[in-house]
């Protein structure tokens, strides 16, 4: 059998070019901080005000980014749509109304269709924003506001749109986040706009709807031998045993990994020790039953990933246990339902 060959970026010109591109694009993204000026703020506030529709247009690669920007703005509650410059100039300008905003994307700022659309929109009382790399340019001159993409150079000698399109994507995302913040748009709002797919399910779900309840858990005392805890974990295979006191307040947690490691280190005599000897205490990460699944997922993944998360009522009483695969399984249940 032929072993795979190890290739380093220093030795291979393809990987070297790819690495250099990523460095250039990363620099281009960070450079967009310079774009966060008064014009950027004015555009974000106008979109968030719902004074009219936001129509995003571009040609070629910029047109693809325009579609994505319109979609993302819509997802945070803005009345945003992709707008075809060509169709607009051939009979569809009638949809423009005073109070609307047209955002025109062009790296060069010289795309004639967009310049013509900007002029026509202005004549109808529509505000115009230009997202361009070149200032001044024909497009920036017809715009009320200019969102400048700061791009030092493309990442290839052939001038393939690379750093410029990445910068435009990043600046567009910054605008989306700014609009969301201006609108006070939160998780609940996003969930309402995103009812389908795994993300929508996770955004709407609460831990109480997903957790394993106490009757399905291995609840043990610290003074019980580890052998008895192992038996309880076998009877209730949730991946962990919760160590509780007489009032069912959480004292510690024992995972399957804790027991495996103990057996590997100490042998069978390890099973005779008290459970308190191996439990993790205090338990530093937990959540409440009303916690959203998304918030619980963030708790489980930060700073290191947990497979199980205790769910506690006020006072530390055990309400249940959330498993990582309970969240992952929501989409499976939806598809089978």
C-alpha atoms as a PDB file:
ATOM      1  CA  UNK A   1       0.000   0.000   0.000  1.00  0.00           C
ATOM      2  CA  UNK A   2       1.336   3.425  -0.954  1.00  0.00           C
ATOM      3  CA  UNK A   3       1.667   5.744   2.027  1.00  0.00           C
ATOM      4  CA  UNK A   4       0.309   9.303   1.566  1.00  0.00           C
ATOM      5  CA  UNK A   5       3.032  11.811   0.831  1.00  0.00           C
ATOM      6  CA  UNK A   6       3.480  14.667   3.256  1.00  0.00           C
ATOM      7  CA  UNK A   7       3.624  17.997   1.441  1.00  0.00           C
ATOM      8  CA  UNK A   8       4.578  21.258   3.092  1.00  0.00           C
ATOM      9  CA  UNK A   9       3.466  24.641   1.852  1.00  0.00           C
ATOM     10  CA  UNK A  10       7.119  25.746   1.701  1.00  0.00           C
ATOM     11  CA  UNK A  11       7.903  23.048  -0.875  1.00  0.00           C
ATOM     12  CA  UNK A  12       4.771  23.064  -3.015  1.00  0.00           C
ATOM     13  CA  UNK A  13       3.954  26.165  -5.138  1.00  0.00           C
ATOM     14  CA  UNK A  14       0.219  25.420  -5.089  1.00  0.00           C
ATOM     15  CA  UNK A  15       0.078  25.436  -1.301  1.00  0.00           C
ATOM     16  CA  UNK A  16       2.346  28.461  -1.160  1.00  0.00           C
ATOM     17  CA  UNK A  17      -0.017  30.402  -3.426  1.00  0.00           C
ATOM     18  CA  UNK A  18      -3.020  29.312  -1.366  1.00  0.00           C
ATOM     19  CA  UNK A  19      -1.318  30.334   1.881  1.00  0.00           C
ATOM     20  CA  UNK A  20      -0.353  33.726   0.465  1.00  0.00           C
ATOM     21  CA  UNK A  21      -3.939  34.291  -0.692  1.00  0.00           C
ATOM     22  CA  UNK A  22      -5.306  33.635   2.789  1.00  0.00           C
ATOM     23  CA  UNK A  23      -2.850  36.099   4.312  1.00  0.00           C
ATOM     24  CA  UNK A  24      -3.818  38.788   1.799  1.00  0.00           C
ATOM     25  CA  UNK A  25      -7.549  38.186   2.281  1.00  0.00           C
ATOM     26  CA  UNK A  26      -7.230  38.197   6.076  1.00  0.00           C
ATOM     27  CA  UNK A  27      -5.469  41.553   5.841  1.00  0.00           C
ATOM     28  CA  UNK A  28      -8.229  42.852   3.576  1.00  0.00           C
ATOM     29  CA  UNK A  29     -10.916  41.863   6.090  1.00  0.00           C
ATOM     30  CA  UNK A  30      -9.161  43.658   8.951  1.00  0.00           C
ATOM     31  CA  UNK A  31      -8.716  46.746   6.770  1.00  0.00           C
ATOM     32  CA  UNK A  32     -12.498  47.208   6.657  1.00  0.00           C
ATOM     33  CA  UNK A  33     -12.382  48.736  10.126  1.00  0.00           C
ATOM     34  CA  UNK A  34     -11.491  51.944   8.288  1.00  0.00           C
ATOM     35  CA  UNK A  35     -14.897  51.776   6.577  1.00  0.00           C
ATOM     36  CA  UNK A  36     -16.836  52.197   9.802  1.00  0.00           C
ATOM     37  CA  UNK A  37     -17.426  55.917   9.434  1.00  0.00           C
ATOM     38  CA  UNK A  38     -20.320  58.376   9.423  1.00  0.00           C
ATOM     39  CA  UNK A  39     -21.605  57.124   6.063  1.00  0.00           C
ATOM     40  CA  UNK A  40     -21.622  53.526   7.294  1.00  0.00           C
ATOM     41  CA  UNK A  41     -23.584  54.562  10.379  1.00  0.00           C
ATOM     42  CA  UNK A  42     -26.063  56.564   8.287  1.00  0.00           C
ATOM     43  CA  UNK A  43     -26.746  53.594   5.995  1.00  0.00           C
ATOM     44  CA  UNK A  44     -27.225  51.199   8.917  1.00  0.00           C
ATOM     45  CA  UNK A  45     -29.639  53.577  10.642  1.00  0.00           C
ATOM     46  CA  UNK A  46     -31.608  54.208   7.462  1.00  0.00           C
ATOM     47  CA  UNK A  47     -32.069  50.477   6.854  1.00  0.00           C
ATOM     48  CA  UNK A  48     -33.049  49.890  10.476  1.00  0.00           C
ATOM     49  CA  UNK A  49     -35.572  52.734  10.409  1.00  0.00           C
ATOM     50  CA  UNK A  50     -37.877  50.888   7.954  1.00  0.00           C
ATOM     51  CA  UNK A  51     -38.344  54.134   6.031  1.00  0.00           C
ATOM     52  CA  UNK A  52     -38.607  52.052   2.871  1.00  0.00           C
ATOM     53  CA  UNK A  53     -37.274  48.996   1.091  1.00  0.00           C
ATOM     54  CA  UNK A  54     -33.566  48.300   0.779  1.00  0.00           C
ATOM     55  CA  UNK A  55     -32.636  47.132  -2.705  1.00  0.00           C
ATOM     56  CA  UNK A  56     -29.155  45.688  -3.229  1.00  0.00           C
ATOM     57  CA  UNK A  57     -27.650  45.504  -6.727  1.00  0.00           C
ATOM     58  CA  UNK A  58     -24.393  44.444  -8.331  1.00  0.00           C
ATOM     59  CA  UNK A  59     -23.072  43.011 -11.582  1.00  0.00           C
ATOM     60  CA  UNK A  60     -20.944  39.872 -11.999  1.00  0.00           C
ATOM     61  CA  UNK A  61     -19.156  38.755  -8.820  1.00  0.00           C
ATOM     62  CA  UNK A  62     -20.489  41.829  -7.012  1.00  0.00           C
ATOM     63  CA  UNK A  63     -23.987  40.730  -7.989  1.00  0.00           C
ATOM     64  CA  UNK A  64     -23.509  37.432  -6.177  1.00  0.00           C
ATOM     65  CA  UNK A  65     -22.414  39.300  -3.058  1.00  0.00           C
ATOM     66  CA  UNK A  66     -25.390  41.646  -3.448  1.00  0.00           C
ATOM     67  CA  UNK A  67     -27.754  38.662  -3.335  1.00  0.00           C
ATOM     68  CA  UNK A  68     -26.126  37.414  -0.145  1.00  0.00           C
ATOM     69  CA  UNK A  69     -26.179  40.840   1.509  1.00  0.00           C
ATOM     70  CA  UNK A  70     -29.888  41.271   0.727  1.00  0.00           C
ATOM     71  CA  UNK A  71     -30.606  37.821   2.157  1.00  0.00           C
ATOM     72  CA  UNK A  72     -28.701  38.500   5.366  1.00  0.00           C
ATOM     73  CA  UNK A  73     -30.332  41.898   5.857  1.00  0.00           C
ATOM     74  CA  UNK A  74     -33.717  40.246   5.429  1.00  0.00           C
ATOM     75  CA  UNK A  75     -32.814  37.622   8.025  1.00  0.00           C
ATOM     76  CA  UNK A  76     -32.371  40.345  10.667  1.00  0.00           C
ATOM     77  CA  UNK A  77     -35.756  41.877   9.898  1.00  0.00           C
ATOM     78  CA  UNK A  78     -34.925  44.495   7.255  1.00  0.00           C
ATOM     79  CA  UNK A  79     -37.132  44.829   4.171  1.00  0.00           C
ATOM     80  CA  UNK A  80     -34.243  44.003   1.870  1.00  0.00           C
ATOM     81  CA  UNK A  81     -34.260  42.486  -1.611  1.00  0.00           C
ATOM     82  CA  UNK A  82     -31.837  41.764  -4.414  1.00  0.00           C
ATOM     83  CA  UNK A  83     -32.388  44.164  -7.329  1.00  0.00           C
ATOM     84  CA  UNK A  84     -31.300  43.468 -10.891  1.00  0.00           C
ATOM     85  CA  UNK A  85     -29.705  46.595 -12.352  1.00  0.00           C
ATOM     86  CA  UNK A  86     -30.277  45.363 -15.899  1.00  0.00           C
ATOM     87  CA  UNK A  87     -33.979  44.653 -15.322  1.00  0.00           C
ATOM     88  CA  UNK A  88     -34.414  47.952 -13.510  1.00  0.00           C
ATOM     89  CA  UNK A  89     -33.013  49.888 -16.462  1.00  0.00           C
ATOM     90  CA  UNK A  90     -35.306  48.029 -18.844  1.00  0.00           C
ATOM     91  CA  UNK A  91     -38.690  48.802 -17.356  1.00  0.00           C
ATOM     92  CA  UNK A  92     -38.650  47.884 -13.653  1.00  0.00           C
ATOM     93  CA  UNK A  93     -37.788  51.237 -12.102  1.00  0.00           C
ATOM     94  CA  UNK A  94     -41.463  51.643 -11.265  1.00  0.00           C
ATOM     95  CA  UNK A  95     -40.991  49.649  -8.071  1.00  0.00           C
ATOM     96  CA  UNK A  96     -38.809  52.365  -6.536  1.00  0.00           C
ATOM     97  CA  UNK A  97     -40.418  54.715  -4.033  1.00  0.00           C
ATOM     98  CA  UNK A  98     -39.244  57.759  -2.085  1.00  0.00           C
ATOM     99  CA  UNK A  99     -37.798  56.509   1.180  1.00  0.00           C
ATOM    100  CA  UNK A 100     -36.262  53.419  -0.420  1.00  0.00           C
ATOM    101  CA  UNK A 101     -32.533  52.830  -0.380  1.00  0.00           C
ATOM    102  CA  UNK A 102     -30.508  51.327  -3.223  1.00  0.00           C
ATOM    103  CA  UNK A 103     -27.111  49.849  -2.305  1.00  0.00           C
ATOM    104  CA  UNK A 104     -24.875  49.477  -5.357  1.00  0.00           C
ATOM    105  CA  UNK A 105     -21.868  47.153  -5.160  1.00  0.00           C
ATOM    106  CA  UNK A 106     -18.911  47.622  -7.518  1.00  0.00           C
ATOM    107  CA  UNK A 107     -15.222  47.125  -6.809  1.00  0.00           C
ATOM    108  CA  UNK A 108     -14.146  49.651  -9.450  1.00  0.00           C
ATOM    109  CA  UNK A 109     -17.017  52.058  -8.891  1.00  0.00           C
ATOM    110  CA  UNK A 110     -17.240  52.428 -12.659  1.00  0.00           C
ATOM    111  CA  UNK A 111     -19.835  49.767 -13.593  1.00  0.00           C
ATOM    112  CA  UNK A 112     -22.019  51.707 -16.035  1.00  0.00           C
ATOM    113  CA  UNK A 113     -25.272  49.846 -15.329  1.00  0.00           C
ATOM    114  CA  UNK A 114     -24.948  50.672 -11.640  1.00  0.00           C
ATOM    115  CA  UNK A 115     -24.033  54.298 -12.299  1.00  0.00           C
ATOM    116  CA  UNK A 116     -27.120  54.651 -14.514  1.00  0.00           C
ATOM    117  CA  UNK A 117     -29.278  52.962 -11.872  1.00  0.00           C
ATOM    118  CA  UNK A 118     -27.933  55.279  -9.177  1.00  0.00           C
ATOM    119  CA  UNK A 119     -28.782  58.342 -11.249  1.00  0.00           C
ATOM    120  CA  UNK A 120     -32.279  57.066 -12.042  1.00  0.00           C
ATOM    121  CA  UNK A 121     -32.934  56.191  -8.395  1.00  0.00           C
ATOM    122  CA  UNK A 122     -31.836  59.651  -7.209  1.00  0.00           C
ATOM    123  CA  UNK A 123     -34.254  61.298  -9.651  1.00  0.00           C
ATOM    124  CA  UNK A 124     -37.080  59.372  -7.969  1.00  0.00           C
ATOM    125  CA  UNK A 125     -36.191  60.504  -4.455  1.00  0.00           C
ATOM    126  CA  UNK A 126     -34.488  57.216  -3.568  1.00  0.00           C
ATOM    127  CA  UNK A 127     -31.364  57.322  -1.395  1.00  0.00           C
ATOM    128  CA  UNK A 128     -28.265  55.725  -2.922  1.00  0.00           C
ATOM    129  CA  UNK A 129     -25.355  54.041  -1.167  1.00  0.00           C
ATOM    130  CA  UNK A 130     -22.278  52.873  -3.062  1.00  0.00           C
ATOM    131  CA  UNK A 131     -20.050  50.045  -1.807  1.00  0.00           C
ATOM    132  CA  UNK A 132     -16.851  50.539  -3.784  1.00  0.00           C
ATOM    133  CA  UNK A 133     -13.078  50.223  -3.476  1.00  0.00           C
ATOM    134  CA  UNK A 134     -12.257  53.314  -5.553  1.00  0.00           C
ATOM    135  CA  UNK A 135     -13.064  56.756  -4.154  1.00  0.00           C
ATOM    136  CA  UNK A 136     -13.762  59.041  -5.899  1.00  0.00           C
ATOM    137  CA  UNK A 137     -15.402  57.100  -8.698  1.00  0.00           C
ATOM    138  CA  UNK A 138     -18.388  57.518 -10.977  1.00  0.00           C
ATOM    139  CA  UNK A 139     -20.541  55.528  -8.556  1.00  0.00           C
ATOM    140  CA  UNK A 140     -19.417  57.328  -5.406  1.00  0.00           C
ATOM    141  CA  UNK A 141     -20.203  60.664  -7.088  1.00  0.00           C
ATOM    142  CA  UNK A 142     -23.881  59.769  -7.563  1.00  0.00           C
ATOM    143  CA  UNK A 143     -24.254  58.235  -4.099  1.00  0.00           C
ATOM    144  CA  UNK A 144     -25.617  59.889  -0.978  1.00  0.00           C
ATOM    145  CA  UNK A 145     -23.420  57.637   1.140  1.00  0.00           C
ATOM    146  CA  UNK A 146     -20.253  55.761   0.254  1.00  0.00           C
ATOM    147  CA  UNK A 147     -19.204  52.507   1.944  1.00  0.00           C
ATOM    148  CA  UNK A 148     -15.579  52.233   0.958  1.00  0.00           C
ATOM    149  CA  UNK A 149     -13.939  48.810   0.771  1.00  0.00           C
ATOM    150  CA  UNK A 150     -10.263  49.259   1.606  1.00  0.00           C
ATOM    151  CA  UNK A 151      -8.364  46.778  -0.586  1.00  0.00           C
ATOM    152  CA  UNK A 152      -4.621  47.045  -1.065  1.00  0.00           C
ATOM    153  CA  UNK A 153      -4.463  44.519  -3.900  1.00  0.00           C
ATOM    154  CA  UNK A 154      -5.988  41.329  -5.236  1.00  0.00           C
ATOM    155  CA  UNK A 155      -4.381  38.070  -4.155  1.00  0.00           C
ATOM    156  CA  UNK A 156      -3.379  36.897  -7.652  1.00  0.00           C
ATOM    157  CA  UNK A 157      -1.284  38.331 -10.467  1.00  0.00           C
ATOM    158  CA  UNK A 158      -4.202  37.846 -12.863  1.00  0.00           C
ATOM    159  CA  UNK A 159      -6.314  40.225 -10.724  1.00  0.00           C
ATOM    160  CA  UNK A 160      -8.918  37.537 -10.109  1.00  0.00           C
ATOM    161  CA  UNK A 161     -11.520  39.026  -7.728  1.00  0.00           C
ATOM    162  CA  UNK A 162     -10.301  37.638  -4.411  1.00  0.00           C
ATOM    163  CA  UNK A 163      -9.370  40.158  -1.729  1.00  0.00           C
ATOM    164  CA  UNK A 164     -11.888  42.654  -3.128  1.00  0.00           C
ATOM    165  CA  UNK A 165     -14.821  40.234  -2.949  1.00  0.00           C
ATOM    166  CA  UNK A 166     -13.765  39.034   0.512  1.00  0.00           C
ATOM    167  CA  UNK A 167     -13.568  42.625   1.730  1.00  0.00           C
ATOM    168  CA  UNK A 168     -17.001  43.353   0.275  1.00  0.00           C
ATOM    169  CA  UNK A 169     -18.446  40.290   2.032  1.00  0.00           C
ATOM    170  CA  UNK A 170     -16.920  41.361   5.336  1.00  0.00           C
ATOM    171  CA  UNK A 171     -18.143  44.943   5.039  1.00  0.00           C
ATOM    172  CA  UNK A 172     -21.602  43.649   4.151  1.00  0.00           C
ATOM    173  CA  UNK A 173     -21.627  41.430   7.223  1.00  0.00           C
ATOM    174  CA  UNK A 174     -20.582  44.409   9.347  1.00  0.00           C
ATOM    175  CA  UNK A 175     -23.551  46.328   7.949  1.00  0.00           C
ATOM    176  CA  UNK A 176     -25.917  43.444   8.766  1.00  0.00           C
ATOM    177  CA  UNK A 177     -24.668  43.309  12.349  1.00  0.00           C
ATOM    178  CA  UNK A 178     -24.974  47.082  12.663  1.00  0.00           C
ATOM    179  CA  UNK A 179     -28.568  46.991  11.429  1.00  0.00           C
ATOM    180  CA  UNK A 180     -29.408  44.152  13.813  1.00  0.00           C
ATOM    181  CA  UNK A 181     -27.969  46.079  16.755  1.00  0.00           C
ATOM    182  CA  UNK A 182     -29.793  49.265  15.762  1.00  0.00           C
ATOM    183  CA  UNK A 183     -33.074  47.348  15.571  1.00  0.00           C
ATOM    184  CA  UNK A 184     -32.480  45.552  18.877  1.00  0.00           C
ATOM    185  CA  UNK A 185     -32.767  42.299  16.951  1.00  0.00           C
ATOM    186  CA  UNK A 186     -32.185  39.302  19.224  1.00  0.00           C
ATOM    187  CA  UNK A 187     -32.275  35.514  19.294  1.00  0.00           C
ATOM    188  CA  UNK A 188     -36.060  35.339  19.650  1.00  0.00           C
ATOM    189  CA  UNK A 189     -36.517  37.576  16.609  1.00  0.00           C
ATOM    190  CA  UNK A 190     -34.085  35.522  14.578  1.00  0.00           C
ATOM    191  CA  UNK A 191     -35.867  32.326  15.561  1.00  0.00           C
ATOM    192  CA  UNK A 192     -39.176  33.786  14.375  1.00  0.00           C
ATOM    193  CA  UNK A 193     -37.587  34.548  10.991  1.00  0.00           C
ATOM    194  CA  UNK A 194     -35.886  31.154  10.754  1.00  0.00           C
ATOM    195  CA  UNK A 195     -38.471  28.443  11.512  1.00  0.00           C
ATOM    196  CA  UNK A 196     -36.916  25.766   9.290  1.00  0.00           C
ATOM    197  CA  UNK A 197     -33.745  23.687   9.519  1.00  0.00           C
ATOM    198  CA  UNK A 198     -31.576  22.686  12.443  1.00  0.00           C
ATOM    199  CA  UNK A 199     -30.726  26.264  13.406  1.00  0.00           C
ATOM    200  CA  UNK A 200     -34.373  27.257  13.586  1.00  0.00           C
ATOM    201  CA  UNK A 201     -35.174  24.266  15.764  1.00  0.00           C
ATOM    202  CA  UNK A 202     -32.270  24.976  18.121  1.00  0.00           C
ATOM    203  CA  UNK A 203     -33.191  28.653  18.384  1.00  0.00           C
ATOM    204  CA  UNK A 204     -36.766  27.895  19.422  1.00  0.00           C
ATOM    205  CA  UNK A 205     -36.156  24.928  21.729  1.00  0.00           C
ATOM    206  CA  UNK A 206     -35.793  25.148  25.508  1.00  0.00           C
ATOM    207  CA  UNK A 207     -33.712  22.849  27.641  1.00  0.00           C
ATOM    208  CA  UNK A 208     -36.789  21.631  29.537  1.00  0.00           C
ATOM    209  CA  UNK A 209     -38.103  20.172  26.267  1.00  0.00           C
ATOM    210  CA  UNK A 210     -34.894  18.225  25.591  1.00  0.00           C
ATOM    211  CA  UNK A 211     -33.420  17.181  28.927  1.00  0.00           C
ATOM    212  CA  UNK A 212     -33.589  13.765  30.547  1.00  0.00           C
ATOM    213  CA  UNK A 213     -35.726  14.160  33.659  1.00  0.00           C
ATOM    214  CA  UNK A 214     -34.683  12.924  37.138  1.00  0.00           C
ATOM    215  CA  UNK A 215     -36.589   9.647  36.858  1.00  0.00           C
ATOM    216  CA  UNK A 216     -34.362   8.698  33.935  1.00  0.00           C
ATOM    217  CA  UNK A 217     -31.064   9.638  35.579  1.00  0.00           C
ATOM    218  CA  UNK A 218     -28.426   7.903  37.655  1.00  0.00           C
ATOM    219  CA  UNK A 219     -28.737   9.910  40.878  1.00  0.00           C
ATOM    220  CA  UNK A 220     -26.290   8.715  43.526  1.00  0.00           C
ATOM    221  CA  UNK A 221     -24.815   9.754  46.869  1.00  0.00           C
ATOM    222  CA  UNK A 222     -21.182  10.550  47.467  1.00  0.00           C
ATOM    223  CA  UNK A 223     -20.874   7.806  50.108  1.00  0.00           C
ATOM    224  CA  UNK A 224     -21.995   5.040  47.732  1.00  0.00           C
ATOM    225  CA  UNK A 225     -19.261   2.730  46.398  1.00  0.00           C
ATOM    226  CA  UNK A 226     -18.220   3.464  42.837  1.00  0.00           C
ATOM    227  CA  UNK A 227     -19.461  -0.018  41.927  1.00  0.00           C
ATOM    228  CA  UNK A 228     -23.031   1.012  42.815  1.00  0.00           C
ATOM    229  CA  UNK A 229     -22.629   4.203  40.785  1.00  0.00           C
ATOM    230  CA  UNK A 230     -21.482   2.108  37.834  1.00  0.00           C
ATOM    231  CA  UNK A 231     -24.552  -0.107  38.188  1.00  0.00           C
ATOM    232  CA  UNK A 232     -26.811   2.985  38.261  1.00  0.00           C
ATOM    233  CA  UNK A 233     -25.106   4.374  35.162  1.00  0.00           C
ATOM    234  CA  UNK A 234     -25.650   1.049  33.403  1.00  0.00           C
ATOM    235  CA  UNK A 235     -29.339   1.120  34.312  1.00  0.00           C
ATOM    236  CA  UNK A 236     -29.680   4.760  33.184  1.00  0.00           C
ATOM    237  CA  UNK A 237     -27.166   5.151  30.308  1.00  0.00           C
ATOM    238  CA  UNK A 238     -27.032   8.920  29.933  1.00  0.00           C
ATOM    239  CA  UNK A 239     -23.241   9.157  30.020  1.00  0.00           C
ATOM    240  CA  UNK A 240     -22.981  10.443  33.597  1.00  0.00           C
ATOM    241  CA  UNK A 241     -24.167  10.043  37.168  1.00  0.00           C
ATOM    242  CA  UNK A 242     -25.196  13.074  39.191  1.00  0.00           C
ATOM    243  CA  UNK A 243     -24.110  13.044  42.823  1.00  0.00           C
ATOM    244  CA  UNK A 244     -26.777  14.632  45.023  1.00  0.00           C
ATOM    245  CA  UNK A 245     -27.415  15.299  48.707  1.00  0.00           C
ATOM    246  CA  UNK A 246     -30.554  14.458  50.685  1.00  0.00           C
ATOM    247  CA  UNK A 247     -32.447  17.381  49.137  1.00  0.00           C
ATOM    248  CA  UNK A 248     -31.445  16.422  45.585  1.00  0.00           C
ATOM    249  CA  UNK A 249     -29.036  19.349  45.339  1.00  0.00           C
ATOM    250  CA  UNK A 250     -26.130  18.696  43.022  1.00  0.00           C
ATOM    251  CA  UNK A 251     -22.833  17.881  44.750  1.00  0.00           C
ATOM    252  CA  UNK A 252     -20.788  16.556  41.845  1.00  0.00           C
ATOM    253  CA  UNK A 253     -20.776  14.606  38.604  1.00  0.00           C
ATOM    254  CA  UNK A 254     -19.195  11.315  37.513  1.00  0.00           C
ATOM    255  CA  UNK A 255     -18.756  10.477  33.846  1.00  0.00           C
ATOM    256  CA  UNK A 256     -18.100   7.168  32.128  1.00  0.00           C
ATOM    257  CA  UNK A 257     -14.621   8.428  31.343  1.00  0.00           C
ATOM    258  CA  UNK A 258     -13.922   8.998  35.047  1.00  0.00           C
ATOM    259  CA  UNK A 259     -14.676   5.351  35.803  1.00  0.00           C
ATOM    260  CA  UNK A 260     -12.699   3.993  32.835  1.00  0.00           C
ATOM    261  CA  UNK A 261      -9.660   6.001  33.812  1.00  0.00           C
ATOM    262  CA  UNK A 262      -9.958   4.932  37.439  1.00  0.00           C
ATOM    263  CA  UNK A 263     -10.157   1.247  36.523  1.00  0.00           C
ATOM    264  CA  UNK A 264      -7.185   1.561  34.185  1.00  0.00           C
ATOM    265  CA  UNK A 265      -5.110   3.191  36.922  1.00  0.00           C
ATOM    266  CA  UNK A 266      -6.182   1.334  40.081  1.00  0.00           C
ATOM    267  CA  UNK A 267      -7.784  -1.920  38.955  1.00  0.00           C
ATOM    268  CA  UNK A 268     -10.900  -3.542  40.424  1.00  0.00           C
ATOM    269  CA  UNK A 269     -10.226  -2.236  43.942  1.00  0.00           C
ATOM    270  CA  UNK A 270     -11.095   1.184  42.615  1.00  0.00           C
ATOM    271  CA  UNK A 271     -14.769   0.162  42.516  1.00  0.00           C
ATOM    272  CA  UNK A 272     -14.851  -0.117  46.322  1.00  0.00           C
ATOM    273  CA  UNK A 273     -13.974   3.549  46.861  1.00  0.00           C
ATOM    274  CA  UNK A 274     -16.646   6.104  47.695  1.00  0.00           C
ATOM    275  CA  UNK A 275     -18.091   7.900  44.675  1.00  0.00           C
ATOM    276  CA  UNK A 276     -17.056  11.218  46.223  1.00  0.00           C
ATOM    277  CA  UNK A 277     -13.428  10.201  45.599  1.00  0.00           C
ATOM    278  CA  UNK A 278     -13.790  10.492  41.826  1.00  0.00           C
ATOM    279  CA  UNK A 279     -16.611  12.962  41.293  1.00  0.00           C
ATOM    280  CA  UNK A 280     -15.928  16.355  39.765  1.00  0.00           C
ATOM    281  CA  UNK A 281     -16.878  18.958  42.350  1.00  0.00           C
ATOM    282  CA  UNK A 282     -17.909  21.647  42.345  1.00  0.00           C
ATOM    283  CA  UNK A 283     -19.750  21.441  39.043  1.00  0.00           C
ATOM    284  CA  UNK A 284     -18.858  24.681  37.300  1.00  0.00           C
ATOM    285  CA  UNK A 285     -21.130  24.464  34.273  1.00  0.00           C
ATOM    286  CA  UNK A 286     -24.877  23.974  34.387  1.00  0.00           C
ATOM    287  CA  UNK A 287     -28.036  25.615  33.089  1.00  0.00           C
ATOM    288  CA  UNK A 288     -31.661  26.215  34.032  1.00  0.00           C
ATOM    289  CA  UNK A 289     -34.691  24.500  32.452  1.00  0.00           C
ATOM    290  CA  UNK A 290     -35.723  27.723  30.664  1.00  0.00           C
ATOM    291  CA  UNK A 291     -32.326  28.146  29.014  1.00  0.00           C
ATOM    292  CA  UNK A 292     -32.539  28.078  25.227  1.00  0.00           C
ATOM    293  CA  UNK A 293     -30.919  25.160  23.451  1.00  0.00           C
ATOM    294  CA  UNK A 294     -28.570  27.587  21.716  1.00  0.00           C
ATOM    295  CA  UNK A 295     -27.429  29.095  25.016  1.00  0.00           C
ATOM    296  CA  UNK A 296     -26.969  25.615  26.482  1.00  0.00           C
ATOM    297  CA  UNK A 297     -24.911  24.601  23.476  1.00  0.00           C
ATOM    298  CA  UNK A 298     -22.627  27.589  24.005  1.00  0.00           C
ATOM    299  CA  UNK A 299     -22.180  26.609  27.661  1.00  0.00           C
ATOM    300  CA  UNK A 300     -21.334  23.035  26.670  1.00  0.00           C
ATOM    301  CA  UNK A 301     -18.778  24.141  24.083  1.00  0.00           C
ATOM    302  CA  UNK A 302     -16.986  26.857  26.085  1.00  0.00           C
ATOM    303  CA  UNK A 303     -14.160  26.682  27.041  1.00  0.00           C
ATOM    304  CA  UNK A 304     -13.991  22.946  26.273  1.00  0.00           C
ATOM    305  CA  UNK A 305     -16.711  20.637  24.980  1.00  0.00           C
ATOM    306  CA  UNK A 306     -18.949  18.794  27.428  1.00  0.00           C
ATOM    307  CA  UNK A 307     -21.133  15.880  26.367  1.00  0.00           C
ATOM    308  CA  UNK A 308     -23.551  16.332  29.279  1.00  0.00           C
ATOM    309  CA  UNK A 309     -24.791  19.396  31.163  1.00  0.00           C
ATOM    310  CA  UNK A 310     -26.648  19.309  34.509  1.00  0.00           C
ATOM    311  CA  UNK A 311     -29.935  21.221  34.540  1.00  0.00           C
ATOM    312  CA  UNK A 312     -30.628  22.845  37.891  1.00  0.00           C
ATOM    313  CA  UNK A 313     -33.561  24.592  39.511  1.00  0.00           C
ATOM    314  CA  UNK A 314     -33.086  27.515  41.863  1.00  0.00           C
ATOM    315  CA  UNK A 315     -31.162  26.384  44.915  1.00  0.00           C
ATOM    316  CA  UNK A 316     -29.205  23.785  42.972  1.00  0.00           C
ATOM    317  CA  UNK A 317     -31.811  21.012  42.918  1.00  0.00           C
ATOM    318  CA  UNK A 318     -31.448  18.663  39.957  1.00  0.00           C
ATOM    319  CA  UNK A 319     -34.109  19.203  37.293  1.00  0.00           C
ATOM    320  CA  UNK A 320     -32.517  17.019  34.637  1.00  0.00           C
ATOM    321  CA  UNK A 321     -29.527  16.385  32.402  1.00  0.00           C
ATOM    322  CA  UNK A 322     -28.965  17.701  28.885  1.00  0.00           C
ATOM    323  CA  UNK A 323     -26.897  15.589  26.512  1.00  0.00           C
ATOM    324  CA  UNK A 324     -25.122  16.989  23.485  1.00  0.00           C
ATOM    325  CA  UNK A 325     -26.785  14.456  21.207  1.00  0.00           C
ATOM    326  CA  UNK A 326     -30.219  15.551  22.489  1.00  0.00           C
ATOM    327  CA  UNK A 327     -29.612  18.838  20.666  1.00  0.00           C
ATOM    328  CA  UNK A 328     -28.115  17.163  17.610  1.00  0.00           C
ATOM    329  CA  UNK A 329     -31.039  14.735  17.478  1.00  0.00           C
ATOM    330  CA  UNK A 330     -33.683  17.445  17.121  1.00  0.00           C
ATOM    331  CA  UNK A 331     -33.228  17.608  13.347  1.00  0.00           C
ATOM    332  CA  UNK A 332     -33.418  13.816  13.085  1.00  0.00           C
ATOM    333  CA  UNK A 333     -36.727  13.764  14.974  1.00  0.00           C
ATOM    334  CA  UNK A 334     -38.048  16.552  12.760  1.00  0.00           C
ATOM    335  CA  UNK A 335     -37.182  14.630   9.590  1.00  0.00           C
ATOM    336  CA  UNK A 336     -38.851  11.457  10.891  1.00  0.00           C
ATOM    337  CA  UNK A 337     -41.928  13.196  12.252  1.00  0.00           C
END
